[in-house]
């Protein structure tokens, strides 16, 4: 059992390191500029260098809590992953500010970028994105606006990057945002008064056609089949990424971790370890319950009432006994 637990912990640690490294690649301003250019309308007409210059300071990685009062000064990988209510603290993967020129003025946007390895994590991604966006709006009270000065609220974007989406989705981008609809009559249309929240979901799938260079670049960046050296050359020559500014090192580290995960069969090892752990847990449960019931039928009914063992057959339980 100790060896199984050690295996599971080793797998989890490697996955934490890989997920954290993905964030360190994504938070490079050069990569963020590509993402903003293709997801946020305020940046559609700007060049990639112009967008980079719009990003303020250094983006925050897993340090800002989604819920009030949550902070953390270090990167802890999956320990800082957002969780559903009741499961622990919730942190933004990456959060940053951008100032965009609009005529003679500059508008300030607050942007959150989340990286998902599954399009079906147990909840609807747009719904979670709305929650994150709403929190970014409400948390502006006392900083971006105060009292009843609601016009000071800055627009927020919650961007969700989903790696390896199903084939029927392929490479896609969808935006969910607030729009005006006149039901009876018409109020004056002041878009800035309500255009305050957008959720954008980005789907990547390497083995499907790429409709533009953005998907080509992103699928190259996160490819698990392209060797690191070839990947860096392609990113530099085809997509003009500056690989000498620290991005190359982060890409190397991400590829090394990805290779380690694949080489060790990490997903398979985790599944096997968890299945073995479940079997050991069942043995312990049987030892606890067996003295309390007079026959096998009662014992079996008591075991399968536990959701973790609800799918067990009588034969499987008899084998454990």
Protein backbone atom coordinates (compact mmCIF):
# COMPACT_ATOMS: atom_id res chain seq x y z
CA UNK A 1 0.00 0.00 0.00
CA UNK A 2 2.90 2.33 0.77
CA UNK A 3 4.36 1.74 -2.71
CA UNK A 4 0.98 2.47 -4.30
CA UNK A 5 0.60 5.69 -2.33
CA UNK A 6 4.13 6.73 -3.26
CA UNK A 7 3.36 6.10 -6.93
CA UNK A 8 0.17 8.15 -6.81
CA UNK A 9 1.93 11.03 -5.04
CA UNK A 10 4.80 10.95 -7.55
CA UNK A 11 2.32 11.08 -10.42
CA UNK A 12 0.42 13.94 -8.82
CA UNK A 13 3.62 15.89 -8.20
CA UNK A 14 4.74 15.52 -11.82
CA UNK A 15 1.34 16.68 -13.06
CA UNK A 16 1.48 19.69 -10.72
CA UNK A 17 4.87 20.64 -12.13
CA UNK A 18 3.65 20.28 -15.71
CA UNK A 19 0.50 22.33 -15.10
CA UNK A 20 2.52 25.05 -13.38
CA UNK A 21 4.98 25.11 -16.28
CA UNK A 22 2.12 25.53 -18.76
CA UNK A 23 1.11 28.66 -16.84
CA UNK A 24 4.69 29.97 -16.95
CA UNK A 25 4.63 29.61 -20.74
CA UNK A 26 1.20 31.21 -21.11
CA UNK A 27 1.96 34.22 -18.94
CA UNK A 28 4.75 35.39 -21.28
CA UNK A 29 3.52 38.70 -22.72
CA UNK A 30 4.33 37.55 -26.24
CA UNK A 31 1.94 34.60 -25.88
CA UNK A 32 -0.70 36.70 -24.12
CA UNK A 33 -0.57 39.16 -27.04
CA UNK A 34 -1.45 36.37 -29.51
CA UNK A 35 -4.34 35.28 -27.30
CA UNK A 36 -5.74 38.79 -26.87
CA UNK A 37 -5.38 39.53 -30.59
CA UNK A 38 -7.72 36.62 -31.34
CA UNK A 39 -10.21 36.77 -28.44
CA UNK A 40 -10.84 40.35 -27.28
CA UNK A 41 -12.32 42.84 -29.73
CA UNK A 42 -10.46 45.79 -28.17
CA UNK A 43 -7.25 44.28 -29.58
CA UNK A 44 -8.42 43.13 -33.02
CA UNK A 45 -7.00 46.18 -34.82
CA UNK A 46 -3.70 46.32 -32.92
CA UNK A 47 -0.42 44.67 -33.87
CA UNK A 48 1.14 42.05 -31.62
CA UNK A 49 3.90 44.44 -30.41
CA UNK A 50 1.24 47.09 -29.66
CA UNK A 51 -0.76 44.58 -27.64
CA UNK A 52 2.34 43.57 -25.67
CA UNK A 53 2.87 47.21 -24.74
CA UNK A 54 -0.72 47.40 -23.48
CA UNK A 55 -0.15 44.69 -20.85
CA UNK A 56 0.65 46.31 -17.52
CA UNK A 57 3.45 45.10 -15.27
CA UNK A 58 3.95 41.37 -14.69
CA UNK A 59 0.91 39.07 -14.90
CA UNK A 60 -0.02 37.31 -11.65
CA UNK A 61 0.10 33.51 -11.57
CA UNK A 62 -2.03 31.62 -9.02
CA UNK A 63 -1.58 34.37 -6.42
CA UNK A 64 -4.93 36.16 -6.45
CA UNK A 65 -7.96 34.53 -4.85
CA UNK A 66 -11.26 34.45 -6.68
CA UNK A 67 -13.08 34.60 -3.33
CA UNK A 68 -12.62 37.66 -1.09
CA UNK A 69 -9.51 37.70 1.08
CA UNK A 70 -7.67 34.86 -0.65
CA UNK A 71 -4.02 35.55 -1.42
CA UNK A 72 -0.88 33.51 -1.88
CA UNK A 73 2.58 34.86 -2.56
CA UNK A 74 4.00 31.79 -4.32
CA UNK A 75 3.16 29.50 -7.18
CA UNK A 76 1.95 26.14 -5.93
CA UNK A 77 0.62 24.59 -9.13
CA UNK A 78 -2.51 22.56 -8.67
CA UNK A 79 -2.68 23.48 -4.98
CA UNK A 80 -3.84 26.83 -6.28
CA UNK A 81 -6.18 25.50 -8.93
CA UNK A 82 -9.70 26.87 -8.74
CA UNK A 83 -12.06 24.40 -7.08
CA UNK A 84 -15.81 24.18 -6.83
CA UNK A 85 -17.41 25.67 -3.68
CA UNK A 86 -16.79 23.59 -0.60
CA UNK A 87 -13.56 22.06 -1.93
CA UNK A 88 -11.13 24.77 -0.89
CA UNK A 89 -9.61 28.04 -2.00
CA UNK A 90 -10.07 29.33 -5.54
CA UNK A 91 -7.27 31.16 -7.37
CA UNK A 92 -7.02 32.64 -10.84
CA UNK A 93 -4.47 30.81 -13.02
CA UNK A 94 -3.28 34.06 -14.61
CA UNK A 95 -4.61 37.58 -14.10
CA UNK A 96 -3.36 40.86 -15.54
CA UNK A 97 -4.37 44.37 -16.54
CA UNK A 98 -4.24 45.97 -19.99
CA UNK A 99 -4.68 49.59 -21.10
CA UNK A 100 -6.02 49.95 -24.63
CA UNK A 101 -5.97 53.18 -26.67
CA UNK A 102 -9.44 54.36 -27.68
CA UNK A 103 -9.30 57.69 -29.49
CA UNK A 104 -7.72 60.19 -27.13
CA UNK A 105 -8.43 58.04 -24.09
CA UNK A 106 -7.14 54.74 -22.80
CA UNK A 107 -9.46 52.14 -21.34
CA UNK A 108 -8.31 49.68 -18.69
CA UNK A 109 -9.32 46.02 -18.87
CA UNK A 110 -8.94 43.27 -16.28
CA UNK A 111 -8.20 39.89 -17.84
CA UNK A 112 -8.12 36.38 -16.42
CA UNK A 113 -6.73 33.39 -18.33
CA UNK A 114 -7.45 29.81 -17.23
CA UNK A 115 -5.92 26.68 -18.75
CA UNK A 116 -8.05 23.51 -18.79
CA UNK A 117 -6.93 20.03 -19.83
CA UNK A 118 -10.53 18.86 -20.18
CA UNK A 119 -13.57 20.44 -21.80
CA UNK A 120 -15.79 18.37 -19.47
CA UNK A 121 -14.36 18.97 -15.96
CA UNK A 122 -17.68 18.28 -14.21
CA UNK A 123 -19.26 21.70 -14.78
CA UNK A 124 -20.05 24.01 -17.69
CA UNK A 125 -17.00 26.16 -18.45
CA UNK A 126 -19.02 29.25 -19.54
CA UNK A 127 -20.86 29.16 -16.19
CA UNK A 128 -17.63 29.06 -14.23
CA UNK A 129 -16.26 31.81 -16.45
CA UNK A 130 -19.24 34.03 -15.59
CA UNK A 131 -18.55 33.43 -11.89
CA UNK A 132 -14.90 34.41 -12.31
CA UNK A 133 -15.88 37.48 -14.32
CA UNK A 134 -18.47 38.52 -11.74
CA UNK A 135 -15.86 38.22 -8.99
CA UNK A 136 -13.45 40.39 -10.98
CA UNK A 137 -16.16 43.02 -11.24
CA UNK A 138 -17.26 42.97 -7.60
CA UNK A 139 -13.65 43.00 -6.36
CA UNK A 140 -13.14 46.38 -8.07
CA UNK A 141 -15.17 48.07 -5.34
CA UNK A 142 -12.83 50.23 -3.32
CA UNK A 143 -10.06 50.13 -5.94
CA UNK A 144 -11.46 50.99 -9.40
CA UNK A 145 -14.67 52.60 -8.09
CA UNK A 146 -16.26 53.48 -4.74
CA UNK A 147 -19.64 54.40 -3.27
CA UNK A 148 -22.17 54.75 -6.09
CA UNK A 149 -19.66 55.61 -8.85
CA UNK A 150 -20.47 52.49 -10.83
CA UNK A 151 -19.38 54.03 -14.13
CA UNK A 152 -15.82 53.43 -12.91
CA UNK A 153 -16.23 49.66 -13.27
CA UNK A 154 -13.65 48.27 -15.69
CA UNK A 155 -14.59 45.65 -18.27
CA UNK A 156 -13.37 42.12 -17.46
CA UNK A 157 -12.47 39.18 -19.67
CA UNK A 158 -12.37 35.58 -18.45
CA UNK A 159 -10.51 33.52 -21.06
CA UNK A 160 -10.62 29.70 -20.91
CA UNK A 161 -8.05 27.76 -22.91
CA UNK A 162 -9.09 24.10 -23.32
CA UNK A 163 -6.40 21.70 -24.51
CA UNK A 164 -7.35 18.61 -26.51
CA UNK A 165 -11.06 19.34 -26.93
CA UNK A 166 -13.24 16.67 -28.61
CA UNK A 167 -12.85 16.23 -32.36
CA UNK A 168 -16.39 17.47 -33.05
CA UNK A 169 -15.35 20.87 -31.61
CA UNK A 170 -11.84 21.05 -33.05
CA UNK A 171 -10.08 24.42 -33.08
CA UNK A 172 -12.68 26.98 -32.08
CA UNK A 173 -13.27 30.23 -30.18
CA UNK A 174 -16.64 31.22 -28.69
CA UNK A 175 -17.51 34.38 -26.74
CA UNK A 176 -20.33 34.84 -24.21
CA UNK A 177 -21.03 38.46 -23.33
CA UNK A 178 -23.67 40.99 -22.32
CA UNK A 179 -25.76 42.44 -25.16
CA UNK A 180 -28.68 44.88 -25.28
CA UNK A 181 -32.15 43.77 -26.38
CA UNK A 182 -35.03 46.21 -26.67
CA UNK A 183 -38.31 44.52 -25.69
CA UNK A 184 -40.78 47.42 -25.91
CA UNK A 185 -39.68 50.74 -27.29
CA UNK A 186 -35.99 51.62 -27.16
CA UNK A 187 -33.61 53.10 -24.62
CA UNK A 188 -30.59 55.07 -25.83
CA UNK A 189 -27.83 52.60 -26.68
CA UNK A 190 -24.78 53.34 -24.50
CA UNK A 191 -22.77 50.17 -24.93
CA UNK A 192 -20.07 51.06 -22.38
CA UNK A 193 -22.75 51.04 -19.68
CA UNK A 194 -23.41 47.30 -20.00
CA UNK A 195 -20.49 45.82 -21.96
CA UNK A 196 -18.60 44.90 -18.79
CA UNK A 197 -18.08 41.11 -18.91
CA UNK A 198 -17.00 38.65 -21.60
CA UNK A 199 -16.24 34.96 -21.26
CA UNK A 200 -14.23 33.47 -24.13
CA UNK A 201 -13.63 29.73 -24.54
CA UNK A 202 -10.73 28.64 -26.77
CA UNK A 203 -10.57 25.04 -27.95
CA UNK A 204 -7.32 23.50 -29.21
CA UNK A 205 -6.95 20.18 -30.98
CA UNK A 206 -3.66 19.39 -32.69
CA UNK A 207 -4.92 16.73 -35.10
CA UNK A 208 -7.61 18.88 -36.75
CA UNK A 209 -7.23 21.67 -39.34
CA UNK A 210 -6.03 25.05 -38.03
CA UNK A 211 -8.16 27.88 -39.46
CA UNK A 212 -5.47 30.54 -38.87
CA UNK A 213 -1.94 31.14 -37.56
CA UNK A 214 -3.17 31.59 -33.99
CA UNK A 215 -4.33 27.98 -33.78
CA UNK A 216 -1.22 26.83 -35.61
CA UNK A 217 1.00 28.61 -33.10
CA UNK A 218 -0.93 27.47 -30.03
CA UNK A 219 -1.13 23.84 -31.16
CA UNK A 220 2.59 23.90 -31.90
CA UNK A 221 3.30 25.41 -28.49
CA UNK A 222 1.36 22.74 -26.59
CA UNK A 223 2.08 19.82 -28.91
CA UNK A 224 3.13 16.61 -27.18
CA UNK A 225 4.43 15.08 -30.42
CA UNK A 226 6.81 17.78 -31.73
CA UNK A 227 10.36 17.55 -30.23
CA UNK A 228 11.42 20.59 -28.20
CA UNK A 229 14.17 21.76 -30.60
CA UNK A 230 11.89 21.48 -33.64
CA UNK A 231 9.11 23.21 -31.74
CA UNK A 232 11.32 26.19 -30.87
CA UNK A 233 12.55 26.52 -34.46
CA UNK A 234 8.99 26.41 -35.79
CA UNK A 235 7.74 28.96 -33.24
CA UNK A 236 10.57 31.32 -34.18
CA UNK A 237 10.60 30.96 -37.96
CA UNK A 238 6.93 30.45 -38.74
CA UNK A 239 5.30 32.50 -36.00
CA UNK A 240 8.09 35.05 -35.27
CA UNK A 241 8.20 34.37 -31.53
CA UNK A 242 11.29 35.75 -29.79
CA UNK A 243 12.78 32.60 -28.30
CA UNK A 244 15.77 34.37 -26.73
CA UNK A 245 13.77 36.35 -24.15
CA UNK A 246 13.15 33.52 -21.67
CA UNK A 247 10.34 31.86 -23.60
CA UNK A 248 12.71 29.20 -24.98
CA UNK A 249 13.69 28.08 -21.49
CA UNK A 250 10.07 27.82 -20.36
CA UNK A 251 9.14 25.86 -23.50
CA UNK A 252 12.08 23.50 -22.91
CA UNK A 253 10.98 22.86 -19.33
CA UNK A 254 7.38 22.27 -20.40
CA UNK A 255 8.47 19.81 -23.11
CA UNK A 256 10.74 17.95 -20.69
CA UNK A 257 7.93 17.57 -18.18
CA UNK A 258 5.52 16.53 -20.92
CA UNK A 259 8.02 13.93 -22.12
CA UNK A 260 8.46 12.64 -18.60
CA UNK A 261 4.72 12.30 -18.16
CA UNK A 262 4.43 10.35 -21.40
CA UNK A 263 7.52 8.21 -20.80
CA UNK A 264 6.39 7.07 -17.39
CA UNK A 265 2.84 6.43 -18.54
CA UNK A 266 1.69 8.81 -15.85
CA UNK A 267 -2.00 8.68 -16.62
CA UNK A 268 -1.99 4.91 -16.75
CA UNK A 269 0.05 4.71 -13.57
CA UNK A 270 -2.31 7.05 -11.76
CA UNK A 271 -5.36 5.05 -12.85
CA UNK A 272 -3.80 1.76 -11.81
CA UNK A 273 -2.65 3.21 -8.50
CA UNK A 274 -6.08 4.61 -7.74
CA UNK A 275 -7.78 1.34 -8.67
CA UNK A 276 -5.43 -0.59 -6.39
CA UNK A 277 -6.00 1.96 -3.64
CA UNK A 278 -9.76 1.54 -4.08
CA UNK A 279 -9.38 -2.23 -3.71
CA UNK A 280 -7.34 -1.82 -0.52
CA UNK A 281 -9.99 0.56 0.80
CA UNK A 282 -12.69 -2.01 0.04
CA UNK A 283 -10.78 -4.64 2.00
CA UNK A 284 -10.64 -2.31 5.00
CA UNK A 285 -14.37 -1.57 4.65
CA UNK A 286 -15.21 -5.29 4.55
CA UNK A 287 -13.14 -5.94 7.67
CA UNK A 288 -15.05 -3.19 9.46
CA UNK A 289 -18.56 -4.15 8.35
CA UNK A 290 -18.41 -7.95 8.26
CA UNK A 291 -18.83 -8.45 12.04
CA UNK A 292 -21.90 -6.20 12.02
CA UNK A 293 -24.05 -8.20 9.57
CA UNK A 294 -25.41 -11.70 9.82
CA UNK A 295 -25.30 -12.65 6.14
CA UNK A 296 -23.62 -11.75 2.88
CA UNK A 297 -26.69 -10.05 1.37
CA UNK A 298 -26.83 -7.51 4.21
CA UNK A 299 -23.09 -6.93 4.01
CA UNK A 300 -23.24 -6.43 0.24
CA UNK A 301 -26.13 -3.95 0.53
CA UNK A 302 -24.18 -1.94 3.13
CA UNK A 303 -21.07 -1.78 0.92
CA UNK A 304 -22.78 -0.67 -2.31
CA UNK A 305 -24.59 2.13 -0.48
CA UNK A 306 -21.17 3.81 -0.51
CA UNK A 307 -21.05 5.79 -3.83
CA UNK A 308 -17.42 4.76 -4.41
CA UNK A 309 -18.41 1.07 -4.50
CA UNK A 310 -21.93 1.37 -5.94
CA UNK A 311 -20.94 -0.38 -9.19
CA UNK A 312 -19.41 -3.47 -7.57
CA UNK A 313 -20.94 -6.86 -8.34
CA UNK A 314 -21.58 -9.54 -5.75
CA UNK A 315 -18.79 -11.63 -7.28
CA UNK A 316 -16.25 -8.81 -6.81
CA UNK A 317 -17.20 -8.38 -3.17
CA UNK A 318 -17.05 -12.15 -2.57
CA UNK A 319 -13.56 -12.21 -4.12
CA UNK A 320 -12.37 -9.55 -1.64
CA UNK A 321 -13.88 -11.46 1.28
